[in-house]
């Protein structure tokens, strides 16, 4: 599936040692998964995917654009210390049956 990610705005949060990135995903067909968008955003910013967490995504019914917000941490350890467990779980690829 082809989709394009465009960064609309970035804010620095020095207290939490992260950048808060607001983006729009243009897609034909179904909305891409958080995992796919997370990887594309990490590639776009040329950073390690372990530092990127998609916090929110919103697609209007029938629209081909999805608005979202991601947190880009200075280190993966900082991300795990700050982000809520449910956000970390949503951004973690699910393992197939039989994988360890």
C-alpha atoms as a PDB file:
ATOM      1  CA  UNK A   1       0.000   0.000   0.000  1.00  0.00           C
ATOM      2  CA  UNK A   2       1.338   3.418  -0.931  1.00  0.00           C
ATOM      3  CA  UNK A   3       1.000   6.407   1.334  1.00  0.00           C
ATOM      4  CA  UNK A   4       2.806   9.666   1.970  1.00  0.00           C
ATOM      5  CA  UNK A   5       3.605  11.312   5.304  1.00  0.00           C
ATOM      6  CA  UNK A   6       3.931  15.105   5.481  1.00  0.00           C
ATOM      7  CA  UNK A   7       5.105  16.859   8.657  1.00  0.00           C
ATOM      8  CA  UNK A   8       2.965  19.925   9.341  1.00  0.00           C
ATOM      9  CA  UNK A   9       4.451  21.225  12.619  1.00  0.00           C
ATOM     10  CA  UNK A  10       7.048  20.339  15.248  1.00  0.00           C
ATOM     11  CA  UNK A  11       7.280  21.534  18.843  1.00  0.00           C
ATOM     12  CA  UNK A  12      10.127  20.884  21.260  1.00  0.00           C
ATOM     13  CA  UNK A  13       9.266  19.808  24.823  1.00  0.00           C
ATOM     14  CA  UNK A  14      12.552  20.189  26.733  1.00  0.00           C
ATOM     15  CA  UNK A  15      11.062  19.033  30.035  1.00  0.00           C
ATOM     16  CA  UNK A  16      10.184  15.598  28.602  1.00  0.00           C
ATOM     17  CA  UNK A  17      13.147  15.592  26.188  1.00  0.00           C
ATOM     18  CA  UNK A  18      11.062  15.010  23.075  1.00  0.00           C
ATOM     19  CA  UNK A  19       9.794  16.632  19.889  1.00  0.00           C
ATOM     20  CA  UNK A  20       6.047  16.624  19.307  1.00  0.00           C
ATOM     21  CA  UNK A  21       5.387  16.162  15.590  1.00  0.00           C
ATOM     22  CA  UNK A  22       2.046  16.827  13.883  1.00  0.00           C
ATOM     23  CA  UNK A  23       1.608  15.133  10.513  1.00  0.00           C
ATOM     24  CA  UNK A  24      -0.827  14.300   7.712  1.00  0.00           C
ATOM     25  CA  UNK A  25      -0.843  10.937   5.932  1.00  0.00           C
ATOM     26  CA  UNK A  26      -2.248  10.889   2.383  1.00  0.00           C
ATOM     27  CA  UNK A  27      -3.416   7.424   1.338  1.00  0.00           C
ATOM     28  CA  UNK A  28      -5.506   5.660  -1.284  1.00  0.00           C
ATOM     29  CA  UNK A  29      -7.558   2.885   0.224  1.00  0.00           C
ATOM     30  CA  UNK A  30      -7.596   1.955   3.919  1.00  0.00           C
ATOM     31  CA  UNK A  31      -5.765   3.951   6.577  1.00  0.00           C
ATOM     32  CA  UNK A  32      -2.211   2.621   7.099  1.00  0.00           C
ATOM     33  CA  UNK A  33      -1.451   1.029  10.476  1.00  0.00           C
ATOM     34  CA  UNK A  34       0.367   2.846  13.284  1.00  0.00           C
ATOM     35  CA  UNK A  35       3.329   0.515  12.755  1.00  0.00           C
ATOM     36  CA  UNK A  36       3.593   1.437   9.054  1.00  0.00           C
ATOM     37  CA  UNK A  37       3.281   5.165   9.759  1.00  0.00           C
ATOM     38  CA  UNK A  38       5.785   4.912  12.615  1.00  0.00           C
ATOM     39  CA  UNK A  39       8.376   3.273  10.329  1.00  0.00           C
ATOM     40  CA  UNK A  40       7.754   5.777   7.523  1.00  0.00           C
ATOM     41  CA  UNK A  41       8.088   8.714   9.955  1.00  0.00           C
ATOM     42  CA  UNK A  42      11.351   7.293  11.381  1.00  0.00           C
ATOM     43  CA  UNK A  43      12.748   6.914   7.840  1.00  0.00           C
ATOM     44  CA  UNK A  44      11.640  10.439   6.934  1.00  0.00           C
ATOM     45  CA  UNK A  45      13.372  11.906  10.002  1.00  0.00           C
ATOM     46  CA  UNK A  46      16.376   9.538   9.658  1.00  0.00           C
ATOM     47  CA  UNK A  47      16.118   8.295  13.234  1.00  0.00           C
ATOM     48  CA  UNK A  48      15.749   4.948  15.004  1.00  0.00           C
ATOM     49  CA  UNK A  49      12.143   3.676  15.043  1.00  0.00           C
ATOM     50  CA  UNK A  50      12.457   2.924  18.811  1.00  0.00           C
ATOM     51  CA  UNK A  51      12.357   6.683  19.486  1.00  0.00           C
ATOM     52  CA  UNK A  52       9.065   7.278  17.598  1.00  0.00           C
ATOM     53  CA  UNK A  53       5.624   6.805  19.175  1.00  0.00           C
ATOM     54  CA  UNK A  54       2.369   7.561  17.356  1.00  0.00           C
ATOM     55  CA  UNK A  55       0.089   9.060  19.993  1.00  0.00           C
ATOM     56  CA  UNK A  56      -3.033   9.892  18.004  1.00  0.00           C
ATOM     57  CA  UNK A  57      -4.462   9.344  14.521  1.00  0.00           C
ATOM     58  CA  UNK A  58      -7.788  10.608  13.145  1.00  0.00           C
ATOM     59  CA  UNK A  59      -9.341   9.857   9.756  1.00  0.00           C
ATOM     60  CA  UNK A  60     -12.603  11.477   8.735  1.00  0.00           C
ATOM     61  CA  UNK A  61     -15.091   8.979   7.267  1.00  0.00           C
ATOM     62  CA  UNK A  62     -14.470   8.564   3.544  1.00  0.00           C
ATOM     63  CA  UNK A  63     -11.422  10.861   3.575  1.00  0.00           C
ATOM     64  CA  UNK A  64      -8.041   9.985   2.105  1.00  0.00           C
ATOM     65  CA  UNK A  65      -6.111  11.953   4.738  1.00  0.00           C
ATOM     66  CA  UNK A  66      -5.279  11.043   8.308  1.00  0.00           C
ATOM     67  CA  UNK A  67      -4.093  13.644  10.824  1.00  0.00           C
ATOM     68  CA  UNK A  68      -1.835  12.493  13.618  1.00  0.00           C
ATOM     69  CA  UNK A  69       0.604  13.325  16.382  1.00  0.00           C
ATOM     70  CA  UNK A  70       3.835  11.544  17.219  1.00  0.00           C
ATOM     71  CA  UNK A  71       6.355  11.929  20.025  1.00  0.00           C
ATOM     72  CA  UNK A  72      10.025  11.696  19.014  1.00  0.00           C
ATOM     73  CA  UNK A  73      12.189  11.085  22.080  1.00  0.00           C
ATOM     74  CA  UNK A  74      15.886  11.811  22.548  1.00  0.00           C
ATOM     75  CA  UNK A  75      16.407   8.154  23.562  1.00  0.00           C
ATOM     76  CA  UNK A  76      14.354   4.908  23.633  1.00  0.00           C
ATOM     77  CA  UNK A  77      14.842   4.733  27.420  1.00  0.00           C
ATOM     78  CA  UNK A  78      13.273   8.186  27.840  1.00  0.00           C
ATOM     79  CA  UNK A  79      10.301   7.076  25.736  1.00  0.00           C
ATOM     80  CA  UNK A  80       9.675   3.992  27.858  1.00  0.00           C
ATOM     81  CA  UNK A  81       9.889   6.088  31.041  1.00  0.00           C
ATOM     82  CA  UNK A  82       7.398   8.735  29.843  1.00  0.00           C
ATOM     83  CA  UNK A  83       4.875   7.171  27.439  1.00  0.00           C
ATOM     84  CA  UNK A  84       1.846   5.381  28.941  1.00  0.00           C
ATOM     85  CA  UNK A  85       1.863   1.594  28.615  1.00  0.00           C
ATOM     86  CA  UNK A  86      -1.138   1.552  26.250  1.00  0.00           C
ATOM     87  CA  UNK A  87       0.652   3.885  23.798  1.00  0.00           C
ATOM     88  CA  UNK A  88       3.762   1.672  23.894  1.00  0.00           C
ATOM     89  CA  UNK A  89       1.573  -1.406  23.280  1.00  0.00           C
ATOM     90  CA  UNK A  90      -0.173   0.249  20.301  1.00  0.00           C
ATOM     91  CA  UNK A  91       3.196   1.084  18.740  1.00  0.00           C
ATOM     92  CA  UNK A  92       4.674  -2.397  19.216  1.00  0.00           C
ATOM     93  CA  UNK A  93       4.290  -4.873  16.332  1.00  0.00           C
ATOM     94  CA  UNK A  94       2.189  -7.876  17.320  1.00  0.00           C
ATOM     95  CA  UNK A  95       4.072 -11.181  17.193  1.00  0.00           C
ATOM     96  CA  UNK A  96       2.743 -13.964  15.012  1.00  0.00           C
ATOM     97  CA  UNK A  97       1.765 -17.233  16.658  1.00  0.00           C
ATOM     98  CA  UNK A  98       4.843 -19.377  17.114  1.00  0.00           C
ATOM     99  CA  UNK A  99       7.245 -16.417  17.396  1.00  0.00           C
ATOM    100  CA  UNK A 100       9.074 -15.780  20.637  1.00  0.00           C
END
